[in-house]
Amino acid sequence: MITLSENFRALFYAPFYAAYATGHYAQQGVEVDFRLSSHPDRTAAALRSGEVEVMWGGPLRVLLTHAADPSSDLVCFCDVVARDPFLVIGRERRASFRPADLIDVRLGTVSEVPTPWLCLQDDIRRDGADPASVDRVTDATMAANAAALREGRLDAVQVFQPYAEDLLASGDGHLWYAAADRGLTAYTTLVTRRSVMARKRPELLGMVRALDRTLRWMRATPGEEIQRVLAGYFPDVSAAVFAAAIDRYRGLQLYGPDPVTRREGFDRLATAMRSGGALNREVAFESCVDNSLAEQVVAEGGSAGRC
């Protein structure tokens, strides 16, 4: 048995819930004890203490842990969300958009977690503007920012799904920027400790096979069907918005083609963290990522046809 904790409840984590709902873990012969989480910090603490053996979450946290403690044995071992799931939604239509344009608007950014703004500020910087010049609301929730956009108190908001799709469907917002379009950015993987990997390698291999199968299912399955399978995890999201949100993510190639964490995506995240002041030194890819299980699954030809 493997104890697995969610990070927090979010629609872009759909493959992690789908691995349960489709029975892929069971089909691979691994028993997974799924734990709910009240907060990402609580999840990370439970992993470090041994209360849980695996969590899903951002490589950002693993990078920060290794920067603070080079002897840490936290490691990413199965890539799932390979691109940035956040979108910039504006109140008015824009025929064209560049990240540098955000210095001319009042922007509500994500307060719940740090990664979205760290990545967006790096996009702005790469586009030739100073992200410190952005007039932004930094202390409101995504729900509050979406309401402020509707009321005209903000010009644009940075949100994930389903907030973005709900604004688009109502006509109260217009898509300015999908951060996934920047390319690979290591966003969410399975994370464990190297000691757990050594002790429970066969079980973790089964998890990676199951998620590889789930990623294939996500690519091949329309949003409407995914919504029907996962509706119980998001009872407050309408079926139409849920399906459209997932289809948008699928169209953006948000989910990795396989469970291997690409160095390109890892480096893009680390660079954003350094430019945003969150990371004060370089941390080696090999310290934070162990692709051996994912590469084994790829060498096997994935889990398709195995069960």
C-alpha atoms as a PDB file:
ATOM      1  CA  MET A   1       0.000   0.000   0.000  1.00  0.00           C
ATOM      2  CA  ILE A   2       1.043   3.570  -0.744  1.00  0.00           C
ATOM      3  CA  THR A   3      -0.320   6.570   1.152  1.00  0.00           C
ATOM      4  CA  LEU A   4      -0.876   9.448  -1.283  1.00  0.00           C
ATOM      5  CA  SER A   5      -1.949  12.979  -0.404  1.00  0.00           C
ATOM      6  CA  GLU A   6      -3.475  15.536  -2.705  1.00  0.00           C
ATOM      7  CA  ASN A   7      -1.928  19.002  -2.698  1.00  0.00           C
ATOM      8  CA  PHE A   8      -5.181  20.982  -2.775  1.00  0.00           C
ATOM      9  CA  ARG A   9      -8.350  20.529  -4.800  1.00  0.00           C
ATOM     10  CA  ALA A  10      -7.968  21.949  -8.318  1.00  0.00           C
ATOM     11  CA  LEU A  11      -9.410  21.105 -11.713  1.00  0.00           C
ATOM     12  CA  PHE A  12      -6.019  21.043 -13.416  1.00  0.00           C
ATOM     13  CA  TYR A  13      -5.145  18.086 -11.165  1.00  0.00           C
ATOM     14  CA  ALA A  14      -7.758  16.034 -13.041  1.00  0.00           C
ATOM     15  CA  PRO A  15      -5.367  13.179 -13.991  1.00  0.00           C
ATOM     16  CA  PHE A  16      -4.632  12.428 -10.342  1.00  0.00           C
ATOM     17  CA  TYR A  17      -8.329  11.989  -9.574  1.00  0.00           C
ATOM     18  CA  ALA A  18      -8.865  10.121 -12.843  1.00  0.00           C
ATOM     19  CA  ALA A  19      -6.278   7.522 -11.869  1.00  0.00           C
ATOM     20  CA  TYR A  20      -8.661   6.510  -9.064  1.00  0.00           C
ATOM     21  CA  ALA A  21     -11.917   6.983 -10.901  1.00  0.00           C
ATOM     22  CA  THR A  22     -10.858   4.907 -13.896  1.00  0.00           C
ATOM     23  CA  GLY A  23      -9.424   2.122 -11.738  1.00  0.00           C
ATOM     24  CA  HIS A  24      -5.950   2.453 -13.232  1.00  0.00           C
ATOM     25  CA  TYR A  25      -4.157   2.052  -9.895  1.00  0.00           C
ATOM     26  CA  ALA A  26      -6.063  -1.123  -9.143  1.00  0.00           C
ATOM     27  CA  GLN A  27      -5.442  -2.428 -12.672  1.00  0.00           C
ATOM     28  CA  GLN A  28      -1.723  -2.045 -12.080  1.00  0.00           C
ATOM     29  CA  GLY A  29      -1.955  -3.993  -8.839  1.00  0.00           C
ATOM     30  CA  VAL A  30      -1.108  -1.129  -6.494  1.00  0.00           C
ATOM     31  CA  GLU A  31      -3.280  -0.200  -3.526  1.00  0.00           C
ATOM     32  CA  VAL A  32      -3.315   3.545  -2.931  1.00  0.00           C
ATOM     33  CA  ASP A  33      -4.660   5.102   0.263  1.00  0.00           C
ATOM     34  CA  PHE A  34      -5.802   8.564  -0.849  1.00  0.00           C
ATOM     35  CA  ARG A  35      -5.593  11.336   1.762  1.00  0.00           C
ATOM     36  CA  LEU A  36      -7.275  14.728   1.539  1.00  0.00           C
ATOM     37  CA  SER A  37      -5.274  17.860   2.271  1.00  0.00           C
ATOM     38  CA  SER A  38      -6.362  21.093   3.863  1.00  0.00           C
ATOM     39  CA  HIS A  39      -3.336  23.088   2.666  1.00  0.00           C
ATOM     40  CA  PRO A  40      -0.206  22.517   0.532  1.00  0.00           C
ATOM     41  CA  ASP A  41       2.088  23.286   3.488  1.00  0.00           C
ATOM     42  CA  ARG A  42       0.328  20.632   5.545  1.00  0.00           C
ATOM     43  CA  THR A  43       0.793  18.106   2.748  1.00  0.00           C
ATOM     44  CA  ALA A  44       4.513  18.823   2.429  1.00  0.00           C
ATOM     45  CA  ALA A  45       4.994  18.517   6.177  1.00  0.00           C
ATOM     46  CA  ALA A  46       3.195  15.163   6.187  1.00  0.00           C
ATOM     47  CA  LEU A  47       5.495  13.890   3.436  1.00  0.00           C
ATOM     48  CA  ARG A  48       8.646  15.005   5.257  1.00  0.00           C
ATOM     49  CA  SER A  49       7.472  13.434   8.530  1.00  0.00           C
ATOM     50  CA  GLY A  50       6.548  10.117   6.910  1.00  0.00           C
ATOM     51  CA  GLU A  51       2.836  10.504   7.624  1.00  0.00           C
ATOM     52  CA  VAL A  52       2.272  10.066   3.875  1.00  0.00           C
ATOM     53  CA  GLU A  53       4.615   8.436   1.383  1.00  0.00           C
ATOM     54  CA  VAL A  54       3.740  10.314  -1.807  1.00  0.00           C
ATOM     55  CA  MET A  55       2.132  13.646  -2.619  1.00  0.00           C
ATOM     56  CA  TRP A  56       1.438  15.474  -5.816  1.00  0.00           C
ATOM     57  CA  GLY A  57       2.664  19.018  -6.015  1.00  0.00           C
ATOM     58  CA  GLY A  58       4.949  21.500  -7.668  1.00  0.00           C
ATOM     59  CA  PRO A  59       8.649  20.943  -8.278  1.00  0.00           C
ATOM     60  CA  LEU A  60       8.920  24.497  -6.915  1.00  0.00           C
ATOM     61  CA  ARG A  61       8.583  23.109  -3.397  1.00  0.00           C
ATOM     62  CA  VAL A  62      11.219  20.450  -4.057  1.00  0.00           C
ATOM     63  CA  LEU A  63      13.596  23.085  -5.443  1.00  0.00           C
ATOM     64  CA  LEU A  64      13.116  25.284  -2.389  1.00  0.00           C
ATOM     65  CA  THR A  65      13.662  22.343  -0.051  1.00  0.00           C
ATOM     66  CA  HIS A  66      16.946  21.385  -1.744  1.00  0.00           C
ATOM     67  CA  ALA A  67      18.104  25.003  -1.809  1.00  0.00           C
ATOM     68  CA  ALA A  68      17.588  25.193   1.959  1.00  0.00           C
ATOM     69  CA  ASP A  69      18.888  21.689   2.707  1.00  0.00           C
ATOM     70  CA  PRO A  70      21.147  20.062   0.085  1.00  0.00           C
ATOM     71  CA  SER A  71      20.888  16.762   1.982  1.00  0.00           C
ATOM     72  CA  SER A  72      17.097  16.585   1.495  1.00  0.00           C
ATOM     73  CA  ASP A  73      15.843  13.371  -0.086  1.00  0.00           C
ATOM     74  CA  LEU A  74      12.640  14.819  -1.591  1.00  0.00           C
ATOM     75  CA  VAL A  75      12.397  13.854  -5.237  1.00  0.00           C
ATOM     76  CA  CYS A  76       9.994  14.249  -8.181  1.00  0.00           C
ATOM     77  CA  PHE A  77       9.424  10.960 -10.008  1.00  0.00           C
ATOM     78  CA  CYS A  78       6.362  11.188 -12.271  1.00  0.00           C
ATOM     79  CA  ASP A  79       5.498  14.203 -14.407  1.00  0.00           C
ATOM     80  CA  VAL A  80       1.805  14.967 -14.968  1.00  0.00           C
ATOM     81  CA  VAL A  81       1.119  18.716 -15.404  1.00  0.00           C
ATOM     82  CA  ALA A  82       3.903  19.714 -17.782  1.00  0.00           C
ATOM     83  CA  ARG A  83       2.751  23.280 -18.533  1.00  0.00           C
ATOM     84  CA  ASP A  84       1.418  26.239 -16.572  1.00  0.00           C
ATOM     85  CA  PRO A  85      -2.389  25.934 -16.025  1.00  0.00           C
ATOM     86  CA  PHE A  86      -3.044  29.621 -15.315  1.00  0.00           C
ATOM     87  CA  LEU A  87      -4.707  32.062 -17.678  1.00  0.00           C
ATOM     88  CA  VAL A  88      -4.942  35.847 -17.836  1.00  0.00           C
ATOM     89  CA  ILE A  89      -8.528  36.924 -18.426  1.00  0.00           C
ATOM     90  CA  GLY A  90      -9.234  40.549 -19.317  1.00  0.00           C
ATOM     91  CA  ARG A  91     -12.401  42.592 -18.978  1.00  0.00           C
ATOM     92  CA  GLU A  92     -12.138  43.953 -22.525  1.00  0.00           C
ATOM     93  CA  ARG A  93     -11.271  42.189 -25.751  1.00  0.00           C
ATOM     94  CA  ARG A  94      -7.699  42.445 -26.997  1.00  0.00           C
ATOM     95  CA  ALA A  95      -6.808  41.612 -30.576  1.00  0.00           C
ATOM     96  CA  SER A  96      -3.232  40.931 -29.553  1.00  0.00           C
ATOM     97  CA  PHE A  97      -1.493  40.523 -26.236  1.00  0.00           C
ATOM     98  CA  ARG A  98       2.041  40.527 -24.915  1.00  0.00           C
ATOM     99  CA  PRO A  99       2.989  39.942 -21.267  1.00  0.00           C
ATOM    100  CA  ALA A 100       4.557  43.422 -21.211  1.00  0.00           C
ATOM    101  CA  ASP A 101       1.065  44.861 -21.739  1.00  0.00           C
ATOM    102  CA  LEU A 102       0.254  44.019 -18.121  1.00  0.00           C
ATOM    103  CA  ILE A 103       2.172  47.051 -16.861  1.00  0.00           C
ATOM    104  CA  ASP A 104      -0.675  49.205 -18.247  1.00  0.00           C
ATOM    105  CA  VAL A 105      -3.595  47.504 -16.438  1.00  0.00           C
ATOM    106  CA  ARG A 106      -4.810  46.786 -12.932  1.00  0.00           C
ATOM    107  CA  LEU A 107      -4.207  43.063 -12.466  1.00  0.00           C
ATOM    108  CA  GLY A 108      -5.409  40.649  -9.814  1.00  0.00           C
ATOM    109  CA  THR A 109      -2.783  37.934  -9.318  1.00  0.00           C
ATOM    110  CA  VAL A 110      -2.982  34.633  -7.488  1.00  0.00           C
ATOM    111  CA  SER A 111      -2.531  34.885  -3.722  1.00  0.00           C
ATOM    112  CA  GLU A 112      -3.171  31.240  -2.854  1.00  0.00           C
ATOM    113  CA  VAL A 113       0.142  29.833  -4.133  1.00  0.00           C
ATOM    114  CA  PRO A 114       3.411  31.452  -5.334  1.00  0.00           C
ATOM    115  CA  THR A 115       4.176  29.645  -8.594  1.00  0.00           C
ATOM    116  CA  PRO A 116       1.688  31.431 -10.906  1.00  0.00           C
ATOM    117  CA  TRP A 117       3.025  34.925 -10.270  1.00  0.00           C
ATOM    118  CA  LEU A 118       6.669  33.785 -10.269  1.00  0.00           C
ATOM    119  CA  CYS A 119       6.157  32.359 -13.742  1.00  0.00           C
ATOM    120  CA  LEU A 120       4.123  35.301 -15.033  1.00  0.00           C
ATOM    121  CA  GLN A 121       6.579  37.905 -13.753  1.00  0.00           C
ATOM    122  CA  ASP A 122       9.302  36.044 -15.625  1.00  0.00           C
ATOM    123  CA  ASP A 123       7.214  36.202 -18.817  1.00  0.00           C
ATOM    124  CA  ILE A 124       6.844  39.971 -18.325  1.00  0.00           C
ATOM    125  CA  ARG A 125      10.575  40.350 -17.704  1.00  0.00           C
ATOM    126  CA  ARG A 126      11.464  38.314 -20.801  1.00  0.00           C
ATOM    127  CA  ASP A 127       9.102  40.534 -22.794  1.00  0.00           C
ATOM    128  CA  GLY A 128      11.180  43.565 -21.891  1.00  0.00           C
ATOM    129  CA  ALA A 129       9.140  45.101 -19.057  1.00  0.00           C
ATOM    130  CA  ASP A 130       9.659  45.394 -15.316  1.00  0.00           C
ATOM    131  CA  PRO A 131       7.125  43.227 -13.437  1.00  0.00           C
ATOM    132  CA  ALA A 132       7.507  45.523 -10.424  1.00  0.00           C
ATOM    133  CA  SER A 133       5.693  48.162 -12.502  1.00  0.00           C
ATOM    134  CA  VAL A 134       2.494  46.116 -12.691  1.00  0.00           C
ATOM    135  CA  ASP A 135      -0.389  47.613 -10.704  1.00  0.00           C
ATOM    136  CA  ARG A 136      -1.611  44.433  -9.091  1.00  0.00           C
ATOM    137  CA  VAL A 137      -3.843  43.198  -6.302  1.00  0.00           C
ATOM    138  CA  THR A 138      -1.834  40.578  -4.442  1.00  0.00           C
ATOM    139  CA  ASP A 139      -3.955  39.654  -1.422  1.00  0.00           C
ATOM    140  CA  ALA A 140      -7.312  38.531  -2.848  1.00  0.00           C
ATOM    141  CA  THR A 141      -8.459  35.033  -3.738  1.00  0.00           C
ATOM    142  CA  MET A 142      -9.093  34.012  -7.319  1.00  0.00           C
ATOM    143  CA  ALA A 143     -12.821  33.972  -6.592  1.00  0.00           C
ATOM    144  CA  ALA A 144     -12.671  37.528  -5.240  1.00  0.00           C
ATOM    145  CA  ASN A 145     -10.598  38.698  -8.203  1.00  0.00           C
ATOM    146  CA  ALA A 146     -13.062  37.139 -10.663  1.00  0.00           C
ATOM    147  CA  ALA A 147     -15.879  39.043  -8.942  1.00  0.00           C
ATOM    148  CA  ALA A 148     -13.838  42.245  -9.080  1.00  0.00           C
ATOM    149  CA  LEU A 149     -13.303  41.788 -12.811  1.00  0.00           C
ATOM    150  CA  ARG A 150     -17.039  41.431 -13.351  1.00  0.00           C
ATOM    151  CA  GLU A 151     -17.654  44.589 -11.328  1.00  0.00           C
ATOM    152  CA  GLY A 152     -15.051  46.595 -13.246  1.00  0.00           C
ATOM    153  CA  ARG A 153     -12.673  46.999 -10.303  1.00  0.00           C
ATOM    154  CA  LEU A 154      -9.943  45.062 -12.121  1.00  0.00           C
ATOM    155  CA  ASP A 155      -8.870  45.115 -15.751  1.00  0.00           C
ATOM    156  CA  ALA A 156      -7.493  41.583 -15.792  1.00  0.00           C
ATOM    157  CA  VAL A 157      -7.088  38.568 -13.509  1.00  0.00           C
ATOM    158  CA  GLN A 158      -4.749  35.597 -13.307  1.00  0.00           C
ATOM    159  CA  VAL A 159      -6.797  32.471 -12.569  1.00  0.00           C
ATOM    160  CA  PHE A 160      -6.975  28.754 -13.202  1.00  0.00           C
ATOM    161  CA  GLN A 161      -9.956  26.688 -14.251  1.00  0.00           C
ATOM    162  CA  PRO A 162     -12.899  26.769 -13.719  1.00  0.00           C
ATOM    163  CA  TYR A 163     -12.718  30.515 -12.889  1.00  0.00           C
ATOM    164  CA  ALA A 164     -11.370  31.300 -16.358  1.00  0.00           C
ATOM    165  CA  GLU A 165     -13.954  29.250 -18.234  1.00  0.00           C
ATOM    166  CA  ASP A 166     -16.802  30.662 -16.157  1.00  0.00           C
ATOM    167  CA  LEU A 167     -15.735  34.230 -17.011  1.00  0.00           C
ATOM    168  CA  LEU A 168     -15.400  33.353 -20.684  1.00  0.00           C
ATOM    169  CA  ALA A 169     -18.739  31.535 -20.851  1.00  0.00           C
ATOM    170  CA  SER A 170     -20.590  34.437 -19.234  1.00  0.00           C
ATOM    171  CA  GLY A 171     -19.008  37.021 -21.541  1.00  0.00           C
ATOM    172  CA  ASP A 172     -17.630  38.882 -18.535  1.00  0.00           C
ATOM    173  CA  GLY A 173     -14.063  38.072 -19.509  1.00  0.00           C
ATOM    174  CA  HIS A 174     -11.899  37.517 -22.564  1.00  0.00           C
ATOM    175  CA  LEU A 175      -8.835  35.342 -22.936  1.00  0.00           C
ATOM    176  CA  TRP A 176      -5.667  37.398 -23.120  1.00  0.00           C
ATOM    177  CA  TYR A 177      -2.996  34.824 -22.325  1.00  0.00           C
ATOM    178  CA  ALA A 178      -2.710  31.111 -21.633  1.00  0.00           C
ATOM    179  CA  ALA A 179       0.537  30.589 -19.729  1.00  0.00           C
ATOM    180  CA  ALA A 180       0.770  27.069 -21.162  1.00  0.00           C
ATOM    181  CA  ASP A 181       1.632  28.691 -24.487  1.00  0.00           C
ATOM    182  CA  ARG A 182       5.067  29.665 -23.178  1.00  0.00           C
ATOM    183  CA  GLY A 183       6.027  25.984 -23.463  1.00  0.00           C
ATOM    184  CA  LEU A 184       7.135  23.393 -20.945  1.00  0.00           C
ATOM    185  CA  THR A 185       7.146  24.503 -17.314  1.00  0.00           C
ATOM    186  CA  ALA A 186       7.445  21.711 -14.747  1.00  0.00           C
ATOM    187  CA  TYR A 187       4.286  22.294 -12.741  1.00  0.00           C
ATOM    188  CA  THR A 188       2.999  19.190 -10.979  1.00  0.00           C
ATOM    189  CA  THR A 189       4.599  15.804 -10.378  1.00  0.00           C
ATOM    190  CA  LEU A 190       4.387  12.974  -7.924  1.00  0.00           C
ATOM    191  CA  VAL A 191       6.843  13.636  -5.102  1.00  0.00           C
ATOM    192  CA  THR A 192       8.308  11.188  -2.600  1.00  0.00           C
ATOM    193  CA  ARG A 193      11.437  10.669  -0.523  1.00  0.00           C
ATOM    194  CA  ARG A 194      14.330   8.674  -1.904  1.00  0.00           C
ATOM    195  CA  SER A 195      14.116   6.399   1.122  1.00  0.00           C
ATOM    196  CA  VAL A 196      10.512   5.552   0.196  1.00  0.00           C
ATOM    197  CA  MET A 197      11.522   4.983  -3.418  1.00  0.00           C
ATOM    198  CA  ALA A 198      14.176   2.503  -2.324  1.00  0.00           C
ATOM    199  CA  ARG A 199      11.778   0.684   0.008  1.00  0.00           C
ATOM    200  CA  LYS A 200       8.674   0.641  -2.198  1.00  0.00           C
ATOM    201  CA  ARG A 201       9.995   0.792  -5.720  1.00  0.00           C
ATOM    202  CA  PRO A 202       7.589  -1.833  -7.161  1.00  0.00           C
ATOM    203  CA  GLU A 203       4.547   0.007  -5.765  1.00  0.00           C
ATOM    204  CA  LEU A 204       5.785   3.367  -7.070  1.00  0.00           C
ATOM    205  CA  LEU A 205       6.439   1.788 -10.460  1.00  0.00           C
ATOM    206  CA  GLY A 206       2.810   0.655 -10.464  1.00  0.00           C
ATOM    207  CA  MET A 207       1.707   4.218  -9.720  1.00  0.00           C
ATOM    208  CA  VAL A 208       3.744   5.572 -12.618  1.00  0.00           C
ATOM    209  CA  ARG A 209       2.308   2.951 -14.961  1.00  0.00           C
ATOM    210  CA  ALA A 210      -1.187   3.892 -13.803  1.00  0.00           C
ATOM    211  CA  LEU A 211      -0.611   7.589 -14.381  1.00  0.00           C
ATOM    212  CA  ASP A 212       0.930   6.936 -17.781  1.00  0.00           C
ATOM    213  CA  ARG A 213      -2.251   5.076 -18.681  1.00  0.00           C
ATOM    214  CA  THR A 214      -4.314   7.947 -17.260  1.00  0.00           C
ATOM    215  CA  LEU A 215      -2.416  10.537 -19.307  1.00  0.00           C
ATOM    216  CA  ARG A 216      -3.209   8.518 -22.426  1.00  0.00           C
ATOM    217  CA  TRP A 217      -6.856   8.394 -21.379  1.00  0.00           C
ATOM    218  CA  MET A 218      -6.949  12.158 -20.824  1.00  0.00           C
ATOM    219  CA  ARG A 219      -5.559  12.808 -24.314  1.00  0.00           C
ATOM    220  CA  ALA A 220      -8.063  10.471 -25.978  1.00  0.00           C
ATOM    221  CA  THR A 221     -11.202  11.337 -24.003  1.00  0.00           C
ATOM    222  CA  PRO A 222     -13.492  14.342 -24.654  1.00  0.00           C
ATOM    223  CA  GLY A 223     -14.115  16.793 -21.839  1.00  0.00           C
ATOM    224  CA  GLU A 224     -17.760  15.778 -21.511  1.00  0.00           C
ATOM    225  CA  GLU A 225     -16.808  12.210 -20.655  1.00  0.00           C
ATOM    226  CA  ILE A 226     -14.014  13.291 -18.313  1.00  0.00           C
ATOM    227  CA  GLN A 227     -16.534  15.513 -16.536  1.00  0.00           C
ATOM    228  CA  ARG A 228     -18.933  12.599 -16.051  1.00  0.00           C
ATOM    229  CA  VAL A 229     -16.174  10.464 -14.565  1.00  0.00           C
ATOM    230  CA  LEU A 230     -14.828  13.165 -12.229  1.00  0.00           C
ATOM    231  CA  ALA A 231     -17.980  15.130 -11.384  1.00  0.00           C
ATOM    232  CA  GLY A 232     -17.998  13.848  -7.804  1.00  0.00           C
ATOM    233  CA  TYR A 233     -14.692  15.551  -7.073  1.00  0.00           C
ATOM    234  CA  PHE A 234     -16.039  18.958  -8.171  1.00  0.00           C
ATOM    235  CA  PRO A 235     -19.739  19.013  -7.302  1.00  0.00           C
ATOM    236  CA  ASP A 236     -19.951  22.826  -7.455  1.00  0.00           C
ATOM    237  CA  VAL A 237     -18.703  23.123 -11.044  1.00  0.00           C
ATOM    238  CA  SER A 238     -21.354  22.989 -13.760  1.00  0.00           C
ATOM    239  CA  ALA A 239     -21.020  20.174 -16.292  1.00  0.00           C
ATOM    240  CA  ALA A 240     -20.689  22.558 -19.236  1.00  0.00           C
ATOM    241  CA  VAL A 241     -17.986  24.710 -17.634  1.00  0.00           C
ATOM    242  CA  PHE A 242     -16.126  21.626 -16.365  1.00  0.00           C
ATOM    243  CA  ALA A 243     -16.089  19.979 -19.807  1.00  0.00           C
ATOM    244  CA  ALA A 244     -15.037  23.163 -21.590  1.00  0.00           C
ATOM    245  CA  ALA A 245     -12.300  23.831 -19.041  1.00  0.00           C
ATOM    246  CA  ILE A 246     -10.821  20.362 -19.462  1.00  0.00           C
ATOM    247  CA  ASP A 247     -11.034  20.582 -23.240  1.00  0.00           C
ATOM    248  CA  ARG A 248      -9.165  23.889 -23.116  1.00  0.00           C
ATOM    249  CA  TYR A 249      -6.455  22.301 -20.985  1.00  0.00           C
ATOM    250  CA  ARG A 250      -6.264  19.360 -23.374  1.00  0.00           C
ATOM    251  CA  GLY A 251      -5.952  21.740 -26.311  1.00  0.00           C
ATOM    252  CA  LEU A 252      -3.132  23.565 -24.548  1.00  0.00           C
ATOM    253  CA  GLN A 253      -1.278  20.240 -24.083  1.00  0.00           C
ATOM    254  CA  LEU A 254      -1.210  20.907 -20.362  1.00  0.00           C
ATOM    255  CA  TYR A 255      -0.599  17.272 -19.485  1.00  0.00           C
ATOM    256  CA  GLY A 256       2.658  15.563 -20.310  1.00  0.00           C
ATOM    257  CA  PRO A 257       2.949  13.064 -23.158  1.00  0.00           C
ATOM    258  CA  ASP A 258       4.394  10.573 -20.675  1.00  0.00           C
ATOM    259  CA  PRO A 259       5.574  10.573 -17.026  1.00  0.00           C
ATOM    260  CA  VAL A 260       9.130  11.767 -17.759  1.00  0.00           C
ATOM    261  CA  THR A 261      10.002  15.171 -16.287  1.00  0.00           C
ATOM    262  CA  ARG A 262      11.785  17.185 -18.975  1.00  0.00           C
ATOM    263  CA  ARG A 263      14.852  19.190 -18.060  1.00  0.00           C
ATOM    264  CA  GLU A 264      13.576  22.031 -20.260  1.00  0.00           C
ATOM    265  CA  GLY A 265      10.446  22.466 -18.129  1.00  0.00           C
ATOM    266  CA  PHE A 266      12.391  22.148 -14.883  1.00  0.00           C
ATOM    267  CA  ASP A 267      14.919  24.755 -15.999  1.00  0.00           C
ATOM    268  CA  ARG A 268      12.157  27.165 -17.055  1.00  0.00           C
ATOM    269  CA  LEU A 269      10.590  26.929 -13.591  1.00  0.00           C
ATOM    270  CA  ALA A 270      13.922  27.333 -11.801  1.00  0.00           C
ATOM    271  CA  THR A 271      14.797  30.372 -13.922  1.00  0.00           C
ATOM    272  CA  ALA A 272      11.467  32.005 -13.061  1.00  0.00           C
ATOM    273  CA  MET A 273      12.050  31.325  -9.390  1.00  0.00           C
ATOM    274  CA  ARG A 274      15.489  32.931  -9.544  1.00  0.00           C
ATOM    275  CA  SER A 275      14.316  35.980 -11.493  1.00  0.00           C
ATOM    276  CA  GLY A 276      11.455  36.424  -9.010  1.00  0.00           C
ATOM    277  CA  GLY A 277      13.733  36.191  -5.982  1.00  0.00           C
ATOM    278  CA  ALA A 278      12.345  32.910  -4.658  1.00  0.00           C
ATOM    279  CA  LEU A 279      15.486  30.871  -5.335  1.00  0.00           C
ATOM    280  CA  ASN A 280      18.897  32.197  -4.418  1.00  0.00           C
ATOM    281  CA  ARG A 281      21.095  29.531  -5.985  1.00  0.00           C
ATOM    282  CA  GLU A 282      21.100  26.906  -8.683  1.00  0.00           C
ATOM    283  CA  VAL A 283      19.880  23.441  -7.734  1.00  0.00           C
ATOM    284  CA  ALA A 284      20.776  20.495  -9.935  1.00  0.00           C
ATOM    285  CA  PHE A 285      18.049  18.755 -11.910  1.00  0.00           C
ATOM    286  CA  GLU A 286      19.421  15.410 -10.740  1.00  0.00           C
ATOM    287  CA  SER A 287      19.019  16.420  -7.093  1.00  0.00           C
ATOM    288  CA  CYS A 288      15.300  17.045  -7.522  1.00  0.00           C
ATOM    289  CA  VAL A 289      14.215  14.579 -10.212  1.00  0.00           C
ATOM    290  CA  ASP A 290      14.518  10.801 -10.540  1.00  0.00           C
ATOM    291  CA  ASN A 291      13.170   9.728 -13.932  1.00  0.00           C
ATOM    292  CA  SER A 292      14.190   6.086 -13.617  1.00  0.00           C
ATOM    293  CA  LEU A 293      10.650   4.760 -13.030  1.00  0.00           C
ATOM    294  CA  ALA A 294       9.136   6.971 -15.731  1.00  0.00           C
ATOM    295  CA  GLU A 295      11.832   5.996 -18.207  1.00  0.00           C
ATOM    296  CA  GLN A 296      11.198   2.325 -17.446  1.00  0.00           C
ATOM    297  CA  VAL A 297       7.508   2.796 -18.207  1.00  0.00           C
ATOM    298  CA  VAL A 298       8.342   4.553 -21.476  1.00  0.00           C
ATOM    299  CA  ALA A 299      10.764   1.769 -22.408  1.00  0.00           C
ATOM    300  CA  GLU A 300       7.994  -0.749 -21.792  1.00  0.00           C
ATOM    301  CA  GLY A 301       5.879   1.105 -24.314  1.00  0.00           C
ATOM    302  CA  GLY A 302       3.686   2.618 -21.597  1.00  0.00           C
ATOM    303  CA  SER A 303       0.897   0.790 -19.878  1.00  0.00           C
ATOM    304  CA  ALA A 304      -1.387   0.619 -22.926  1.00  0.00           C
ATOM    305  CA  GLY A 305      -2.457  -2.907 -23.554  1.00  0.00           C
ATOM    306  CA  ARG A 306      -1.011  -4.188 -20.294  1.00  0.00           C
ATOM    307  CA  CYS A 307      -4.331  -4.714 -18.573  1.00  0.00           C
END
